Amino acid sequence: MPPVTTGQTTVSLMVEIPEALHLSMQDYLDTHEMWSQERMMQAALSLFLMQNGVNQAQVNSLYLDSLFGCAA
């Protein structure tokens, strides 16, 4: 998996996901040109952290940036 942006530093992640999730993700990405795998993963991870009590400005900012297309 390509690097996930964390402000000025990036960290590469390699994860295994169920095939059904991967196929659904690919279907979504195929029909939404403005989204990338990296942007989707950043949005999903940051939203998960926000919903589970992580209240850090950097995490909140990453979520909003990925949601509104401001992130690279």
C-alpha atoms as a PDB file:
ATOM      1  CA  MET A   1       0.000   0.000   0.000  1.00  0.00           C
ATOM      2  CA  PRO A   2       1.398   3.468  -0.830  1.00  0.00           C
ATOM      3  CA  PRO A   3       2.472   5.826   1.958  1.00  0.00           C
ATOM      4  CA  VAL A   4      -0.168   7.399   4.162  1.00  0.00           C
ATOM      5  CA  THR A   5       0.406  11.117   4.709  1.00  0.00           C
ATOM      6  CA  THR A   6       0.837  12.186   8.337  1.00  0.00           C
ATOM      7  CA  GLY A   7       1.583  15.879   8.033  1.00  0.00           C
ATOM      8  CA  GLN A   8       5.166  16.207   6.854  1.00  0.00           C
ATOM      9  CA  THR A   9       6.106  12.547   7.336  1.00  0.00           C
ATOM     10  CA  THR A  10       4.692   9.512   5.577  1.00  0.00           C
ATOM     11  CA  VAL A  11       4.517   5.928   6.812  1.00  0.00           C
ATOM     12  CA  SER A  12       3.980   2.955   4.513  1.00  0.00           C
ATOM     13  CA  LEU A  13       1.394   0.378   5.543  1.00  0.00           C
ATOM     14  CA  MET A  14       0.879  -3.112   4.215  1.00  0.00           C
ATOM     15  CA  VAL A  15      -2.416  -4.652   5.259  1.00  0.00           C
ATOM     16  CA  GLU A  16      -4.501  -7.631   4.275  1.00  0.00           C
ATOM     17  CA  ILE A  17      -8.216  -6.996   3.867  1.00  0.00           C
ATOM     18  CA  PRO A  18     -11.078  -9.315   2.939  1.00  0.00           C
ATOM     19  CA  GLU A  19     -11.607  -9.661  -0.807  1.00  0.00           C
ATOM     20  CA  ALA A  20     -15.196  -8.388  -0.550  1.00  0.00           C
ATOM     21  CA  LEU A  21     -13.948  -5.160   1.043  1.00  0.00           C
ATOM     22  CA  HIS A  22     -11.280  -4.763  -1.628  1.00  0.00           C
ATOM     23  CA  LEU A  23     -13.771  -5.312  -4.451  1.00  0.00           C
ATOM     24  CA  SER A  24     -16.189  -2.790  -2.941  1.00  0.00           C
ATOM     25  CA  MET A  25     -13.369  -0.289  -2.538  1.00  0.00           C
ATOM     26  CA  GLN A  26     -12.294  -0.787  -6.161  1.00  0.00           C
ATOM     27  CA  ASP A  27     -15.885  -0.397  -7.391  1.00  0.00           C
ATOM     28  CA  TYR A  28     -16.149   2.893  -5.513  1.00  0.00           C
ATOM     29  CA  LEU A  29     -12.795   4.162  -6.774  1.00  0.00           C
ATOM     30  CA  ASP A  30     -13.670   3.201 -10.359  1.00  0.00           C
ATOM     31  CA  THR A  31     -16.749   5.437 -10.243  1.00  0.00           C
ATOM     32  CA  HIS A  32     -15.314   8.339  -8.203  1.00  0.00           C
ATOM     33  CA  GLU A  33     -12.313   9.748 -10.050  1.00  0.00           C
ATOM     34  CA  MET A  34     -11.496  12.342  -7.372  1.00  0.00           C
ATOM     35  CA  TRP A  35     -10.790   9.616  -4.808  1.00  0.00           C
ATOM     36  CA  SER A  36      -7.649   7.493  -4.585  1.00  0.00           C
ATOM     37  CA  GLN A  37      -6.856   4.456  -2.485  1.00  0.00           C
ATOM     38  CA  GLU A  38      -4.597   6.609  -0.319  1.00  0.00           C
ATOM     39  CA  ARG A  39      -7.249   9.286   0.202  1.00  0.00           C
ATOM     40  CA  MET A  40      -9.896   6.676   1.039  1.00  0.00           C
ATOM     41  CA  MET A  41      -7.673   4.914   3.578  1.00  0.00           C
ATOM     42  CA  GLN A  42      -6.669   8.207   5.182  1.00  0.00           C
ATOM     43  CA  ALA A  43     -10.313   9.248   5.494  1.00  0.00           C
ATOM     44  CA  ALA A  44     -11.346   5.863   6.910  1.00  0.00           C
ATOM     45  CA  LEU A  45      -8.536   5.637   9.458  1.00  0.00           C
ATOM     46  CA  SER A  46      -8.845   9.218  10.666  1.00  0.00           C
ATOM     47  CA  LEU A  47     -12.659   8.928  10.966  1.00  0.00           C
ATOM     48  CA  PHE A  48     -12.271   5.695  12.953  1.00  0.00           C
ATOM     49  CA  LEU A  49      -9.853   7.402  15.348  1.00  0.00           C
ATOM     50  CA  MET A  50     -12.107  10.445  15.748  1.00  0.00           C
ATOM     51  CA  GLN A  51     -15.149   8.246  16.444  1.00  0.00           C
ATOM     52  CA  ASN A  52     -13.186   6.309  19.049  1.00  0.00           C
ATOM     53  CA  GLY A  53     -12.034   9.185  21.189  1.00  0.00           C
ATOM     54  CA  VAL A  54      -8.827  10.435  19.570  1.00  0.00           C
ATOM     55  CA  ASN A  55      -9.235  14.187  19.664  1.00  0.00           C
ATOM     56  CA  GLN A  56      -6.036  15.473  18.126  1.00  0.00           C
ATOM     57  CA  ALA A  57      -6.024  18.458  15.806  1.00  0.00           C
ATOM     58  CA  GLN A  58      -3.744  16.624  13.345  1.00  0.00           C
ATOM     59  CA  VAL A  59      -6.113  13.637  13.057  1.00  0.00           C
ATOM     60  CA  ASN A  60      -9.140  15.916  12.689  1.00  0.00           C
ATOM     61  CA  SER A  61      -7.318  17.933  10.042  1.00  0.00           C
ATOM     62  CA  LEU A  62      -6.306  14.808   8.088  1.00  0.00           C
ATOM     63  CA  TYR A  63      -9.916  13.649   8.046  1.00  0.00           C
ATOM     64  CA  LEU A  64     -11.262  16.972   6.814  1.00  0.00           C
ATOM     65  CA  ASP A  65      -8.485  17.312   4.241  1.00  0.00           C
ATOM     66  CA  SER A  66      -9.161  13.842   2.842  1.00  0.00           C
ATOM     67  CA  LEU A  67     -12.920  14.331   2.884  1.00  0.00           C
ATOM     68  CA  PHE A  68     -12.852  17.619   0.995  1.00  0.00           C
ATOM     69  CA  GLY A  69      -9.984  16.762  -1.340  1.00  0.00           C
ATOM     70  CA  CYS A  70      -7.390  19.083   0.166  1.00  0.00           C
ATOM     71  CA  ALA A  71      -4.873  16.355   0.932  1.00  0.00           C
ATOM     72  CA  ALA A  72      -2.223  15.361  -1.573  1.00  0.00           C
END
